[in-house]
Protein backbone atom coordinates (compact mmCIF):
# COMPACT_ATOMS: atom_id res chain seq x y z
CA MET A 1 -36.97 -152.31 16.85
CA ALA A 2 -40.18 -150.66 17.53
CA THR A 3 -40.35 -153.03 20.49
CA ASP A 4 -36.83 -151.63 21.91
CA VAL A 5 -38.37 -148.29 22.22
CA LEU A 6 -41.71 -149.26 23.71
CA ALA A 7 -39.90 -151.86 26.13
CA GLY A 8 -39.97 -148.57 28.65
CA VAL A 9 -43.39 -147.89 28.16
CA PRO A 10 -45.74 -148.89 31.08
CA ALA A 11 -48.23 -151.55 30.33
CA ARG A 12 -51.53 -152.01 32.51
CA ARG A 13 -53.64 -154.84 32.79
CA GLY A 14 -57.05 -154.33 33.55
CA HIS A 15 -60.50 -153.59 31.69
CA PHE A 16 -60.17 -150.08 29.67
CA VAL A 17 -62.16 -148.69 26.66
CA LEU A 18 -60.37 -147.46 23.82
CA GLU A 19 -61.38 -144.34 21.80
CA SER A 20 -62.63 -146.58 19.25
CA GLY A 21 -65.18 -147.78 21.50
CA TYR A 22 -63.35 -151.59 21.78
CA HIS A 23 -62.84 -153.24 25.01
CA THR A 24 -59.57 -154.44 25.65
CA ASN A 25 -57.31 -155.60 28.92
CA VAL A 26 -54.23 -153.77 28.30
CA TRP A 27 -53.43 -149.88 28.42
CA LEU A 28 -50.10 -148.68 26.97
CA SER A 29 -49.13 -145.46 28.80
CA LEU A 30 -47.69 -143.31 26.04
CA ASP A 31 -46.98 -140.21 27.48
CA ALA A 32 -43.27 -140.15 27.77
CA LEU A 33 -42.09 -141.85 24.91
CA PHE A 34 -40.98 -138.68 23.06
CA VAL A 35 -39.46 -137.34 26.25
CA ASP A 36 -35.88 -138.28 25.06
CA PRO A 37 -35.54 -137.32 20.96
CA ALA A 38 -32.44 -139.07 20.73
CA ALA A 39 -33.54 -142.24 22.16
CA VAL A 40 -36.51 -142.57 19.47
CA ALA A 41 -34.25 -140.74 16.72
CA PRO A 42 -33.19 -144.22 15.07
CA HIS A 43 -36.77 -145.58 15.01
CA VAL A 44 -37.89 -142.45 13.79
CA ALA A 45 -34.87 -142.93 10.97
CA ALA A 46 -36.26 -146.46 10.18
CA LEU A 47 -39.63 -145.57 9.75
CA ALA A 48 -39.09 -142.83 7.49
CA ASP A 49 -37.02 -145.55 5.28
CA GLN A 50 -40.68 -147.80 4.90
CA LEU A 51 -42.32 -144.23 4.10
CA ARG A 52 -40.32 -143.00 1.56
CA PRO A 53 -40.88 -145.33 -1.08
CA HIS A 54 -44.56 -144.24 -1.10
CA ALA A 55 -43.55 -140.46 -2.08
CA PRO A 56 -45.46 -138.77 0.30
CA THR A 57 -45.02 -134.56 0.50
CA ALA A 58 -46.55 -134.32 3.70
CA VAL A 59 -46.52 -136.34 7.17
CA CYS A 60 -49.36 -135.74 9.61
CA GLY A 61 -50.32 -137.53 12.78
CA PRO A 62 -53.48 -137.25 15.44
CA LEU A 63 -52.69 -135.58 18.63
CA LEU A 64 -50.67 -136.21 20.93
CA GLY A 65 -48.00 -138.84 20.26
CA GLY A 66 -48.65 -139.49 16.70
CA ALA A 67 -48.44 -135.40 16.16
CA PHE A 68 -44.92 -135.89 17.69
CA LEU A 69 -43.95 -138.77 15.61
CA ALA A 70 -45.15 -137.09 12.50
CA GLN A 71 -43.09 -133.61 13.27
CA ALA A 72 -40.15 -136.12 13.87
CA LEU A 73 -40.63 -137.88 10.60
CA ALA A 74 -41.19 -134.62 8.81
CA THR A 75 -38.13 -132.96 10.21
CA GLN A 76 -36.02 -136.22 9.07
CA MET A 77 -37.80 -136.63 5.58
CA GLY A 78 -37.46 -132.70 4.92
CA LEU A 79 -41.53 -132.94 4.20
CA ARG A 80 -44.41 -130.50 5.62
CA PHE A 81 -45.86 -131.46 8.63
CA TYR A 82 -49.34 -131.34 9.60
CA VAL A 83 -51.41 -132.37 12.84
CA ALA A 84 -55.06 -133.27 13.44
CA GLN A 85 -56.78 -132.78 16.80
CA PRO A 86 -59.79 -134.30 18.64
CA ALA A 87 -62.71 -132.44 17.62
CA PRO A 88 -66.48 -132.51 19.09
CA SER A 89 -68.32 -135.92 18.06
CA ILE A 90 -71.79 -137.20 19.31
CA ALA A 91 -70.89 -139.95 21.94
CA ASP A 92 -73.50 -142.50 20.83
CA GLY A 93 -71.81 -145.56 22.01
CA SER A 94 -71.48 -146.69 18.42
CA LEU A 95 -67.51 -147.87 17.25
CA PHE A 96 -65.42 -145.55 15.68
CA SER A 97 -67.39 -142.29 16.42
CA ALA A 98 -64.47 -139.91 17.01
CA VAL A 99 -63.75 -136.77 14.67
CA TYR A 100 -60.48 -135.23 13.97
CA ASP A 101 -59.98 -131.87 11.94
CA LEU A 102 -57.14 -130.26 11.03
CA PRO A 103 -56.37 -126.59 12.59
CA ALA A 104 -57.80 -123.83 10.17
CA ASP A 105 -54.65 -122.34 9.20
CA GLN A 106 -53.59 -125.98 7.98
CA ARG A 107 -56.39 -127.36 6.33
CA HIS A 108 -56.65 -124.81 2.99
CA ARG A 109 -52.75 -125.63 3.07
CA ILE A 110 -53.07 -129.44 3.03
CA THR A 111 -55.02 -129.69 0.04
CA GLY A 112 -53.47 -132.01 -2.90
CA GLU A 113 -50.86 -133.42 -0.53
CA ARG A 114 -49.76 -136.82 -0.48
CA VAL A 115 -49.74 -137.71 2.97
CA ALA A 116 -47.94 -140.16 5.49
CA LEU A 117 -50.42 -140.49 8.18
CA VAL A 118 -48.62 -141.64 11.05
CA ASP A 119 -49.41 -142.22 14.91
CA GLU A 120 -46.71 -144.28 17.42
CA VAL A 121 -49.02 -146.91 18.17
CA ILE A 122 -51.82 -148.21 16.27
CA SER A 123 -54.69 -150.54 17.84
CA ALA A 124 -57.92 -150.63 16.36
CA GLY A 125 -57.16 -147.27 14.61
CA SER A 126 -59.81 -144.80 15.57
CA SER A 127 -57.56 -141.88 15.77
CA VAL A 128 -55.83 -142.38 12.46
CA ARG A 129 -59.20 -143.30 10.52
CA ALA A 130 -60.47 -139.60 11.73
CA THR A 131 -57.53 -138.04 10.88
CA ASP A 132 -57.61 -139.73 7.21
CA ALA A 133 -61.27 -138.55 7.22
CA ALA A 134 -60.49 -135.06 7.96
CA LEU A 135 -57.54 -135.30 5.47
CA THR A 136 -59.92 -136.47 2.77
CA GLY A 137 -62.03 -133.86 3.68
CA ALA A 138 -59.78 -131.08 3.30
CA GLY A 139 -58.49 -132.65 -0.14
CA ALA A 140 -55.73 -134.56 0.80
CA THR A 141 -54.68 -137.75 -0.20
CA THR A 142 -53.57 -140.87 2.37
CA VAL A 143 -50.53 -142.48 0.41
CA VAL A 144 -49.32 -144.60 3.57
CA VAL A 145 -50.04 -145.03 7.12
CA GLY A 146 -47.12 -145.68 9.48
CA SER A 147 -46.51 -146.81 12.83
CA LEU A 148 -43.39 -147.55 15.37
CA LEU A 149 -45.86 -150.37 16.62
CA VAL A 150 -49.21 -151.90 15.10
CA LEU A 151 -51.63 -154.13 17.82
CA GLY A 152 -53.78 -156.62 16.13
CA ASP A 153 -55.19 -156.40 12.43
CA ARG A 154 -58.47 -153.90 12.57
CA ALA A 155 -56.62 -151.11 11.08
CA VAL A 156 -54.32 -153.24 8.68
CA GLU A 157 -57.66 -154.51 7.81
CA HIS A 158 -59.72 -151.12 7.43
CA PHE A 159 -56.61 -149.54 5.32
CA ALA A 160 -55.95 -152.30 3.05
CA ALA A 161 -59.86 -152.27 2.18
CA ARG A 162 -59.15 -148.78 1.09
CA GLY A 163 -55.76 -149.51 -0.87
CA VAL A 164 -53.86 -147.97 1.56
CA PRO A 165 -50.47 -149.79 2.73
CA LEU A 166 -49.67 -149.72 6.64
CA VAL A 167 -46.11 -150.10 7.58
CA ALA A 168 -44.86 -150.64 11.20
CA LEU A 169 -41.66 -151.48 12.64
CA ALA A 170 -43.11 -153.97 14.53
CA ARG A 171 -46.52 -155.89 14.77
CA GLN A 172 -48.03 -157.81 17.83
CA ALA A 173 -51.39 -159.52 18.62
CA PHE A 174 -53.68 -157.44 20.61
CA THR A 175 -57.07 -158.67 22.32
CA LEU A 176 -60.27 -156.15 21.38
CA TRP A 177 -63.79 -156.87 22.07
CA PRO A 178 -67.00 -154.77 20.97
CA PRO A 179 -68.39 -153.57 24.41
CA THR A 180 -71.37 -156.26 23.49
CA ALA A 181 -68.93 -159.31 23.26
CA CYS A 182 -66.98 -158.06 25.96
CA PRO A 183 -66.30 -160.83 28.45
CA LEU A 184 -64.83 -158.44 31.20
CA CYS A 185 -67.94 -156.99 31.13
CA ALA A 186 -70.16 -160.34 31.23
CA ALA A 187 -67.97 -160.91 34.34
CA GLY A 188 -68.87 -157.78 35.92
CA THR A 189 -64.99 -156.16 35.89
CA LEU A 190 -65.43 -152.60 36.23
CA LEU A 191 -64.10 -150.33 33.66
CA GLU A 192 -60.70 -148.63 34.65
CA ASP A 193 -59.55 -144.81 33.71
CA PRO A 194 -56.37 -145.29 32.72
CA THR A 195 -55.25 -141.64 33.54
CA ARG A 196 -55.79 -142.50 37.03
CA GLY A 197 -52.95 -144.31 38.78
């Protein structure tokens, strides 16, 4: 089902670095995914059905797309909505160095919440991992992670090790390489900026 809503999402082939620090040969352009809320609504409802058994009291997503999905799910499920935003971090070249935080006005309200942490597409899981850390730091508990589409198994393995289930409408294989083992780097292929046409 998630693949239906993502069918119109442009995918570029090339050499890209993800927020996690991993390299990949595919980039999905998700900026327009929530332009037509009616088209996404059936997928939101289907994901809400997978999240309900975990009894969350709130939904949180990282900016940008995860926040749009989180707000739609919170509305669908009658729950509170929170958002995490990128915070300054030290770019030292290590994997998963991104930092996210809750806005100050939300941080004190989220204490004690059972949170469904969501993002529209999860690959390595950098933004959901960083958001999970922010939630934990604010005294909330991530009870489930959800997505329309999970690419690969890095995020699934991470959250499984923490005892947190990850649910998704669809899953697909996805190639990720640490920079030191990237065959595209070894071949001299330049990294591309996915924000430039």
